[in-house]
Amino acid sequence: MIQTDASLNPGNSGGPLIDSNGNVIGINTFIKADSQNLGFAIPINFAKKIADELKLKGVIDRRVSFGLNANQYFYGENRDQIGLFIDKVDYSDTARNEELYRGDIIVAVEGYKVESLDEIKAVLIKLDLRAGDEIKLTVVRENDLLDVNLTLGEV
């Protein structure tokens, strides 16, 4: 979201947020109710991506497949760190996950520390990622941190 002090009033949300050069940089969305002139806009690149998807598919589909099963797991010398232990990788899935192996522990997605599948989903929503997008996972493999790529599959 883009924070703005542009005056937003009932009826003008959905309008463009324009920079000093006249470029549309966002779509005005809402104001913070308990403040004066504190509004928020969706960045235009996100809006364009959503508009394109609506034109092509008619819906926004955020369902993705990783092609793996993972469970929360305590690891580290003192078992004081949490990650997601991969107990199965389905290489025939629509996801391209060839760089992952059973026994890897996922600890971050796109640089965001994750400790559960819900946190992974939150990162994907925050970054507005869809099936076909490539993401970087940080995994622990044989006590080494590695960055591996995964292309999200279709459900």
N, C-alpha and C. Protein backbone atom coordinates (compact mmCIF):
# COMPACT_ATOMS: atom_id res chain seq x y z
N MET A 1 0.84 -1.18 0.00
CA MET A 1 0.00 0.00 0.00
C MET A 1 0.89 1.24 0.00
N ILE A 2 0.38 2.28 -0.62
CA ILE A 2 1.04 3.58 -0.62
C ILE A 2 0.29 4.48 0.35
N GLN A 3 1.00 5.07 1.29
CA GLN A 3 0.38 6.00 2.22
C GLN A 3 0.45 7.39 1.62
N THR A 4 -0.65 8.12 1.70
CA THR A 4 -0.71 9.46 1.13
C THR A 4 -1.44 10.41 2.06
N ASP A 5 -1.13 11.68 1.94
CA ASP A 5 -1.90 12.68 2.69
C ASP A 5 -2.85 13.43 1.76
N ALA A 6 -3.01 12.91 0.53
CA ALA A 6 -3.99 13.50 -0.39
C ALA A 6 -5.38 13.35 0.22
N SER A 7 -6.20 14.33 0.03
CA SER A 7 -7.53 14.32 0.60
C SER A 7 -8.39 13.27 -0.09
N LEU A 8 -8.83 12.28 0.68
CA LEU A 8 -9.74 11.25 0.17
C LEU A 8 -11.06 11.41 0.89
N ASN A 9 -12.12 11.46 0.13
CA ASN A 9 -13.45 11.64 0.69
C ASN A 9 -14.36 10.56 0.14
N PRO A 10 -15.49 10.33 0.83
CA PRO A 10 -16.44 9.35 0.29
C PRO A 10 -16.79 9.72 -1.15
N GLY A 11 -16.68 8.74 -2.02
CA GLY A 11 -17.01 8.98 -3.42
C GLY A 11 -15.81 9.11 -4.33
N ASN A 12 -14.62 9.42 -3.79
CA ASN A 12 -13.47 9.52 -4.69
C ASN A 12 -12.46 8.40 -4.49
N SER A 13 -12.79 7.42 -3.66
CA SER A 13 -11.90 6.26 -3.62
C SER A 13 -12.08 5.53 -4.94
N GLY A 14 -11.03 4.90 -5.39
CA GLY A 14 -11.06 4.27 -6.71
C GLY A 14 -10.48 5.18 -7.78
N GLY A 15 -10.25 6.44 -7.42
CA GLY A 15 -9.65 7.38 -8.36
C GLY A 15 -8.14 7.27 -8.35
N PRO A 16 -7.48 7.91 -9.30
CA PRO A 16 -6.03 7.78 -9.40
C PRO A 16 -5.29 8.60 -8.34
N LEU A 17 -4.14 8.08 -7.91
CA LEU A 17 -3.19 8.82 -7.11
C LEU A 17 -2.08 9.21 -8.08
N ILE A 18 -1.85 10.49 -8.21
CA ILE A 18 -0.94 11.01 -9.24
C ILE A 18 0.26 11.68 -8.58
N ASP A 19 1.48 11.44 -9.16
CA ASP A 19 2.67 12.08 -8.63
C ASP A 19 2.82 13.48 -9.22
N SER A 20 3.86 14.20 -8.85
CA SER A 20 4.05 15.59 -9.28
C SER A 20 4.33 15.72 -10.77
N ASN A 21 4.63 14.60 -11.45
CA ASN A 21 4.85 14.63 -12.90
C ASN A 21 3.60 14.26 -13.68
N GLY A 22 2.51 13.99 -12.98
CA GLY A 22 1.27 13.61 -13.65
C GLY A 22 1.13 12.14 -13.94
N ASN A 23 2.04 11.33 -13.39
CA ASN A 23 1.97 9.88 -13.59
C ASN A 23 1.05 9.25 -12.56
N VAL A 24 0.23 8.31 -13.00
CA VAL A 24 -0.62 7.57 -12.08
C VAL A 24 0.26 6.55 -11.36
N ILE A 25 0.32 6.65 -10.04
CA ILE A 25 1.16 5.74 -9.26
C ILE A 25 0.34 4.80 -8.37
N GLY A 26 -0.96 5.03 -8.29
CA GLY A 26 -1.79 4.18 -7.45
C GLY A 26 -3.26 4.45 -7.65
N ILE A 27 -4.07 3.63 -7.00
CA ILE A 27 -5.52 3.80 -7.00
C ILE A 27 -5.94 4.03 -5.55
N ASN A 28 -6.53 5.19 -5.29
CA ASN A 28 -6.98 5.54 -3.94
C ASN A 28 -7.98 4.51 -3.47
N THR A 29 -7.77 4.03 -2.22
CA THR A 29 -8.56 2.91 -1.74
C THR A 29 -9.34 3.22 -0.47
N PHE A 30 -8.64 3.71 0.57
CA PHE A 30 -9.35 3.97 1.82
C PHE A 30 -8.59 4.98 2.66
N ILE A 31 -9.28 5.51 3.68
CA ILE A 31 -8.65 6.43 4.63
C ILE A 31 -8.65 5.77 6.00
N LYS A 32 -7.73 6.21 6.85
CA LYS A 32 -7.72 5.77 8.24
C LYS A 32 -8.75 6.61 8.98
N ALA A 33 -9.74 5.97 9.51
CA ALA A 33 -10.91 6.66 10.05
C ALA A 33 -10.58 7.63 11.18
N ASP A 34 -9.63 7.31 12.03
CA ASP A 34 -9.36 8.16 13.18
C ASP A 34 -8.22 9.15 12.94
N SER A 35 -8.02 9.54 11.69
CA SER A 35 -6.94 10.48 11.39
C SER A 35 -7.44 11.54 10.41
N GLN A 36 -6.62 12.55 10.20
CA GLN A 36 -6.96 13.56 9.21
C GLN A 36 -6.03 13.42 8.02
N ASN A 37 -6.62 13.25 6.85
CA ASN A 37 -5.87 13.17 5.59
C ASN A 37 -4.79 12.09 5.58
N LEU A 38 -5.11 10.93 6.08
CA LEU A 38 -4.20 9.80 6.00
C LEU A 38 -4.90 8.73 5.18
N GLY A 39 -4.50 8.64 3.90
CA GLY A 39 -5.14 7.72 2.99
C GLY A 39 -4.16 6.68 2.48
N PHE A 40 -4.72 5.68 1.81
CA PHE A 40 -3.91 4.59 1.28
C PHE A 40 -4.36 4.27 -0.14
N ALA A 41 -3.38 3.90 -0.96
CA ALA A 41 -3.65 3.57 -2.35
C ALA A 41 -2.96 2.26 -2.71
N ILE A 42 -3.56 1.53 -3.62
CA ILE A 42 -2.95 0.32 -4.17
C ILE A 42 -1.93 0.76 -5.21
N PRO A 43 -0.69 0.28 -5.15
CA PRO A 43 0.29 0.63 -6.19
C PRO A 43 -0.21 0.24 -7.58
N ILE A 44 0.04 1.09 -8.54
CA ILE A 44 -0.52 0.89 -9.88
C ILE A 44 -0.05 -0.41 -10.52
N ASN A 45 1.18 -0.85 -10.25
CA ASN A 45 1.65 -2.11 -10.84
C ASN A 45 0.83 -3.30 -10.35
N PHE A 46 0.45 -3.29 -9.07
CA PHE A 46 -0.43 -4.35 -8.56
C PHE A 46 -1.79 -4.26 -9.24
N ALA A 47 -2.32 -3.07 -9.36
CA ALA A 47 -3.63 -2.89 -9.98
C ALA A 47 -3.62 -3.35 -11.43
N LYS A 48 -2.55 -3.06 -12.16
CA LYS A 48 -2.45 -3.49 -13.56
C LYS A 48 -2.41 -5.01 -13.66
N LYS A 49 -1.65 -5.64 -12.76
CA LYS A 49 -1.54 -7.09 -12.77
C LYS A 49 -2.92 -7.72 -12.50
N ILE A 50 -3.65 -7.16 -11.55
CA ILE A 50 -4.98 -7.68 -11.24
C ILE A 50 -5.93 -7.45 -12.40
N ALA A 51 -5.87 -6.27 -13.01
CA ALA A 51 -6.73 -5.97 -14.15
C ALA A 51 -6.46 -6.93 -15.30
N ASP A 52 -5.19 -7.19 -15.59
CA ASP A 52 -4.85 -8.13 -16.66
C ASP A 52 -5.39 -9.52 -16.37
N GLU A 53 -5.26 -9.96 -15.11
CA GLU A 53 -5.75 -11.28 -14.75
C GLU A 53 -7.27 -11.36 -14.86
N LEU A 54 -7.96 -10.28 -14.47
CA LEU A 54 -9.42 -10.26 -14.60
C LEU A 54 -9.84 -10.31 -16.06
N LYS A 55 -9.11 -9.61 -16.93
CA LYS A 55 -9.43 -9.64 -18.36
C LYS A 55 -9.25 -11.04 -18.93
N LEU A 56 -8.16 -11.70 -18.56
CA LEU A 56 -7.86 -13.03 -19.10
C LEU A 56 -8.73 -14.13 -18.53
N LYS A 57 -8.87 -14.14 -17.20
CA LYS A 57 -9.52 -15.27 -16.53
C LYS A 57 -10.91 -14.96 -15.99
N GLY A 58 -11.19 -13.69 -15.76
CA GLY A 58 -12.47 -13.32 -15.18
C GLY A 58 -12.52 -13.42 -13.66
N VAL A 59 -11.46 -13.94 -13.04
CA VAL A 59 -11.37 -14.08 -11.58
C VAL A 59 -9.92 -13.88 -11.15
N ILE A 60 -9.75 -13.63 -9.87
CA ILE A 60 -8.41 -13.59 -9.28
C ILE A 60 -8.19 -14.92 -8.60
N ASP A 61 -7.21 -15.68 -9.06
CA ASP A 61 -6.96 -17.02 -8.53
C ASP A 61 -5.60 -17.02 -7.83
N ARG A 62 -5.62 -17.07 -6.50
CA ARG A 62 -4.38 -17.06 -5.73
C ARG A 62 -4.00 -18.46 -5.24
N ARG A 63 -4.72 -19.47 -5.71
CA ARG A 63 -4.39 -20.83 -5.30
C ARG A 63 -3.11 -21.26 -6.00
N VAL A 64 -2.20 -21.85 -5.25
CA VAL A 64 -0.94 -22.32 -5.81
C VAL A 64 -0.59 -23.68 -5.21
N SER A 65 0.29 -24.37 -5.91
CA SER A 65 0.80 -25.64 -5.43
C SER A 65 2.32 -25.53 -5.30
N PHE A 66 2.84 -26.14 -4.24
CA PHE A 66 4.29 -26.20 -4.02
C PHE A 66 4.84 -27.56 -4.43
N GLY A 67 3.96 -28.56 -4.52
CA GLY A 67 4.40 -29.90 -4.84
C GLY A 67 5.20 -30.54 -3.72
N LEU A 68 4.83 -30.24 -2.49
CA LEU A 68 5.55 -30.83 -1.35
C LEU A 68 4.65 -30.86 -0.13
N ASN A 69 5.04 -31.68 0.81
CA ASN A 69 4.41 -31.70 2.14
C ASN A 69 5.45 -31.25 3.14
N ALA A 70 5.07 -30.35 4.02
CA ALA A 70 6.01 -29.86 5.04
C ALA A 70 5.26 -29.64 6.34
N ASN A 71 5.98 -29.89 7.42
CA ASN A 71 5.41 -29.71 8.77
C ASN A 71 6.34 -28.86 9.61
N GLN A 72 5.74 -28.15 10.56
CA GLN A 72 6.54 -27.32 11.46
C GLN A 72 7.54 -28.21 12.20
N TYR A 73 8.76 -27.67 12.36
CA TYR A 73 9.86 -28.49 12.86
C TYR A 73 10.82 -27.63 13.66
N PHE A 74 11.23 -28.13 14.83
CA PHE A 74 12.23 -27.45 15.64
C PHE A 74 13.60 -28.00 15.26
N TYR A 75 14.54 -27.11 14.98
CA TYR A 75 15.87 -27.54 14.56
C TYR A 75 16.91 -26.66 15.23
N GLY A 76 18.17 -26.92 14.91
CA GLY A 76 19.27 -26.17 15.51
C GLY A 76 19.89 -26.95 16.64
N GLU A 77 21.03 -26.47 17.09
CA GLU A 77 21.78 -27.16 18.13
C GLU A 77 20.95 -27.35 19.40
N ASN A 78 20.17 -26.33 19.76
CA ASN A 78 19.35 -26.40 20.96
C ASN A 78 17.87 -26.60 20.66
N ARG A 79 17.57 -26.94 19.41
CA ARG A 79 16.17 -27.10 18.98
C ARG A 79 15.34 -25.86 19.32
N ASP A 80 15.93 -24.68 19.10
CA ASP A 80 15.26 -23.43 19.45
C ASP A 80 14.86 -22.61 18.22
N GLN A 81 15.03 -23.18 17.04
CA GLN A 81 14.64 -22.50 15.81
C GLN A 81 13.52 -23.30 15.15
N ILE A 82 12.64 -22.58 14.44
CA ILE A 82 11.48 -23.23 13.84
C ILE A 82 11.52 -23.04 12.33
N GLY A 83 11.27 -24.11 11.62
CA GLY A 83 11.15 -24.06 10.17
C GLY A 83 10.11 -25.07 9.72
N LEU A 84 10.08 -25.36 8.44
CA LEU A 84 9.15 -26.33 7.89
C LEU A 84 9.94 -27.48 7.28
N PHE A 85 9.83 -28.63 7.89
CA PHE A 85 10.55 -29.82 7.44
C PHE A 85 9.81 -30.43 6.26
N ILE A 86 10.51 -30.58 5.13
CA ILE A 86 9.90 -31.18 3.94
C ILE A 86 9.99 -32.69 4.08
N ASP A 87 8.82 -33.34 4.21
CA ASP A 87 8.83 -34.79 4.35
C ASP A 87 8.49 -35.50 3.04
N LYS A 88 8.03 -34.75 2.02
CA LYS A 88 7.75 -35.36 0.73
C LYS A 88 7.79 -34.30 -0.35
N VAL A 89 8.43 -34.61 -1.47
CA VAL A 89 8.45 -33.73 -2.64
C VAL A 89 7.85 -34.50 -3.80
N ASP A 90 6.81 -33.92 -4.42
CA ASP A 90 6.16 -34.53 -5.59
C ASP A 90 6.70 -33.85 -6.84
N TYR A 91 7.68 -34.49 -7.46
CA TYR A 91 8.33 -33.90 -8.63
C TYR A 91 7.45 -33.94 -9.87
N SER A 92 6.31 -34.64 -9.82
CA SER A 92 5.39 -34.67 -10.95
C SER A 92 4.31 -33.59 -10.83
N ASP A 93 4.36 -32.81 -9.78
CA ASP A 93 3.39 -31.73 -9.56
C ASP A 93 3.60 -30.62 -10.60
N THR A 94 2.62 -29.73 -10.73
CA THR A 94 2.75 -28.61 -11.66
C THR A 94 3.78 -27.59 -11.19
N ALA A 95 4.16 -27.62 -9.92
CA ALA A 95 5.22 -26.74 -9.42
C ALA A 95 6.57 -27.26 -9.90
N ARG A 96 7.48 -26.33 -10.22
CA ARG A 96 8.85 -26.75 -10.57
C ARG A 96 9.68 -26.66 -9.29
N ASN A 97 9.89 -27.80 -8.67
CA ASN A 97 10.48 -27.87 -7.34
C ASN A 97 11.70 -28.79 -7.30
N GLU A 98 12.39 -28.94 -8.44
CA GLU A 98 13.50 -29.88 -8.54
C GLU A 98 14.67 -29.56 -7.60
N GLU A 99 14.77 -28.33 -7.12
CA GLU A 99 15.89 -27.95 -6.25
C GLU A 99 15.63 -28.30 -4.78
N LEU A 100 14.45 -28.82 -4.48
CA LEU A 100 14.11 -29.18 -3.10
C LEU A 100 14.21 -30.67 -2.89
N TYR A 101 14.55 -31.06 -1.64
CA TYR A 101 14.70 -32.47 -1.31
C TYR A 101 14.02 -32.77 0.02
N ARG A 102 13.62 -34.04 0.18
CA ARG A 102 13.09 -34.48 1.46
C ARG A 102 14.18 -34.24 2.50
N GLY A 103 13.81 -33.67 3.63
CA GLY A 103 14.77 -33.36 4.68
C GLY A 103 15.19 -31.90 4.72
N ASP A 104 14.95 -31.16 3.62
CA ASP A 104 15.21 -29.72 3.66
C ASP A 104 14.28 -29.07 4.68
N ILE A 105 14.75 -28.00 5.29
CA ILE A 105 13.92 -27.24 6.24
C ILE A 105 13.77 -25.83 5.69
N ILE A 106 12.55 -25.46 5.33
CA ILE A 106 12.28 -24.12 4.80
C ILE A 106 12.28 -23.14 5.97
N VAL A 107 13.10 -22.09 5.87
CA VAL A 107 13.18 -21.10 6.96
C VAL A 107 12.80 -19.70 6.50
N ALA A 108 12.79 -19.46 5.17
CA ALA A 108 12.42 -18.13 4.67
C ALA A 108 11.88 -18.25 3.25
N VAL A 109 10.99 -17.33 2.91
CA VAL A 109 10.44 -17.21 1.56
C VAL A 109 10.63 -15.77 1.12
N GLU A 110 11.36 -15.59 0.03
CA GLU A 110 11.64 -14.24 -0.49
C GLU A 110 12.24 -13.33 0.59
N GLY A 111 13.04 -13.91 1.47
CA GLY A 111 13.70 -13.14 2.53
C GLY A 111 12.88 -12.96 3.79
N TYR A 112 11.62 -13.38 3.78
CA TYR A 112 10.76 -13.28 4.97
C TYR A 112 10.85 -14.59 5.75
N LYS A 113 11.22 -14.49 7.03
CA LYS A 113 11.30 -15.68 7.89
C LYS A 113 9.90 -16.29 8.01
N VAL A 114 9.82 -17.61 7.87
CA VAL A 114 8.53 -18.30 7.98
C VAL A 114 8.67 -19.48 8.94
N GLU A 115 7.60 -19.71 9.69
CA GLU A 115 7.58 -20.82 10.63
C GLU A 115 6.35 -21.69 10.46
N SER A 116 5.50 -21.38 9.46
CA SER A 116 4.29 -22.17 9.23
C SER A 116 3.84 -21.99 7.78
N LEU A 117 2.97 -22.89 7.34
CA LEU A 117 2.42 -22.77 5.99
C LEU A 117 1.58 -21.50 5.87
N ASP A 118 0.89 -21.12 6.95
CA ASP A 118 0.09 -19.89 6.92
C ASP A 118 0.99 -18.67 6.69
N GLU A 119 2.18 -18.67 7.26
CA GLU A 119 3.10 -17.55 7.04
C GLU A 119 3.60 -17.52 5.60
N ILE A 120 3.79 -18.69 5.00
CA ILE A 120 4.17 -18.73 3.58
C ILE A 120 3.04 -18.14 2.74
N LYS A 121 1.81 -18.53 3.03
CA LYS A 121 0.66 -18.00 2.28
C LYS A 121 0.57 -16.49 2.44
N ALA A 122 0.84 -15.99 3.64
CA ALA A 122 0.80 -14.54 3.88
C ALA A 122 1.84 -13.80 3.04
N VAL A 123 3.03 -14.39 2.89
CA VAL A 123 4.08 -13.78 2.06
C VAL A 123 3.62 -13.74 0.61
N LEU A 124 3.04 -14.84 0.14
CA LEU A 124 2.58 -14.89 -1.26
C LEU A 124 1.50 -13.84 -1.52
N ILE A 125 0.61 -13.64 -0.56
CA ILE A 125 -0.43 -12.63 -0.71
C ILE A 125 0.18 -11.24 -0.68
N LYS A 126 1.09 -11.00 0.26
CA LYS A 126 1.75 -9.70 0.37
C LYS A 126 2.46 -9.31 -0.92
N LEU A 127 3.12 -10.29 -1.54
CA LEU A 127 3.88 -10.03 -2.76
C LEU A 127 3.03 -10.22 -4.02
N ASP A 128 1.75 -10.57 -3.83
CA ASP A 128 0.80 -10.73 -4.93
C ASP A 128 1.30 -11.75 -5.95
N LEU A 129 1.71 -12.92 -5.47
CA LEU A 129 2.26 -13.96 -6.34
C LEU A 129 1.20 -14.96 -6.73
N ARG A 130 1.37 -15.53 -7.92
CA ARG A 130 0.41 -16.47 -8.49
C ARG A 130 1.14 -17.70 -9.04
N ALA A 131 0.35 -18.69 -9.45
CA ALA A 131 0.91 -19.85 -10.13
C ALA A 131 1.72 -19.36 -11.33
N GLY A 132 2.90 -19.95 -11.50
CA GLY A 132 3.80 -19.56 -12.58
C GLY A 132 4.89 -18.60 -12.14
N ASP A 133 4.70 -17.95 -10.99
CA ASP A 133 5.73 -17.05 -10.47
C ASP A 133 6.82 -17.86 -9.78
N GLU A 134 8.05 -17.39 -9.90
CA GLU A 134 9.18 -18.04 -9.25
C GLU A 134 9.47 -17.35 -7.92
N ILE A 135 9.72 -18.16 -6.89
CA ILE A 135 10.05 -17.62 -5.58
C ILE A 135 11.37 -18.20 -5.12
N LYS A 136 12.02 -17.49 -4.20
CA LYS A 136 13.27 -17.95 -3.60
C LYS A 136 12.97 -18.45 -2.20
N LEU A 137 13.33 -19.69 -1.94
CA LEU A 137 13.21 -20.27 -0.61
C LEU A 137 14.59 -20.38 0.00
N THR A 138 14.69 -20.06 1.27
CA THR A 138 15.92 -20.32 2.01
C THR A 138 15.68 -21.58 2.82
N VAL A 139 16.55 -22.56 2.63
CA VAL A 139 16.39 -23.84 3.32
C VAL A 139 17.66 -24.19 4.07
N VAL A 140 17.48 -24.99 5.11
CA VAL A 140 18.61 -25.60 5.81
C VAL A 140 18.73 -27.01 5.25
N ARG A 141 19.92 -27.29 4.72
CA ARG A 141 20.21 -28.63 4.18
C ARG A 141 21.55 -29.06 4.74
N GLU A 142 21.55 -30.13 5.51
CA GLU A 142 22.77 -30.64 6.14
C GLU A 142 23.53 -29.53 6.86
N ASN A 143 22.80 -28.76 7.65
CA ASN A 143 23.32 -27.67 8.48
C ASN A 143 23.84 -26.46 7.70
N ASP A 144 23.62 -26.40 6.39
CA ASP A 144 24.00 -25.23 5.58
C ASP A 144 22.74 -24.50 5.13
N LEU A 145 22.82 -23.16 5.09
CA LEU A 145 21.73 -22.36 4.53
C LEU A 145 21.93 -22.24 3.02
N LEU A 146 20.88 -22.56 2.27
CA LEU A 146 20.93 -22.48 0.82
C LEU A 146 19.71 -21.72 0.31
N ASP A 147 19.89 -20.99 -0.78
CA ASP A 147 18.76 -20.38 -1.48
C ASP A 147 18.44 -21.25 -2.68
N VAL A 148 17.17 -21.66 -2.79
CA VAL A 148 16.73 -22.47 -3.91
C VAL A 148 15.50 -21.81 -4.53
N ASN A 149 15.28 -22.10 -5.80
CA ASN A 149 14.14 -21.53 -6.50
C ASN A 149 13.02 -22.54 -6.62
N LEU A 150 11.81 -22.04 -6.61
CA LEU A 150 10.62 -22.87 -6.79
C LEU A 150 9.67 -22.06 -7.65
N THR A 151 9.14 -22.66 -8.69
CA THR A 151 8.11 -22.01 -9.49
C THR A 151 6.77 -22.55 -9.02
N LEU A 152 5.90 -21.65 -8.58
CA LEU A 152 4.61 -22.04 -8.04
C LEU A 152 3.77 -22.73 -9.11
N GLY A 153 3.13 -23.83 -8.74
CA GLY A 153 2.31 -24.58 -9.68
C GLY A 153 0.84 -24.22 -9.58
N GLU A 154 0.08 -24.69 -10.55
CA GLU A 154 -1.37 -24.49 -10.57
C GLU A 154 -2.03 -25.59 -9.78
N VAL A 155 -3.14 -25.24 -9.14
CA VAL A 155 -3.91 -26.23 -8.39
C VAL A 155 -4.91 -26.87 -9.33
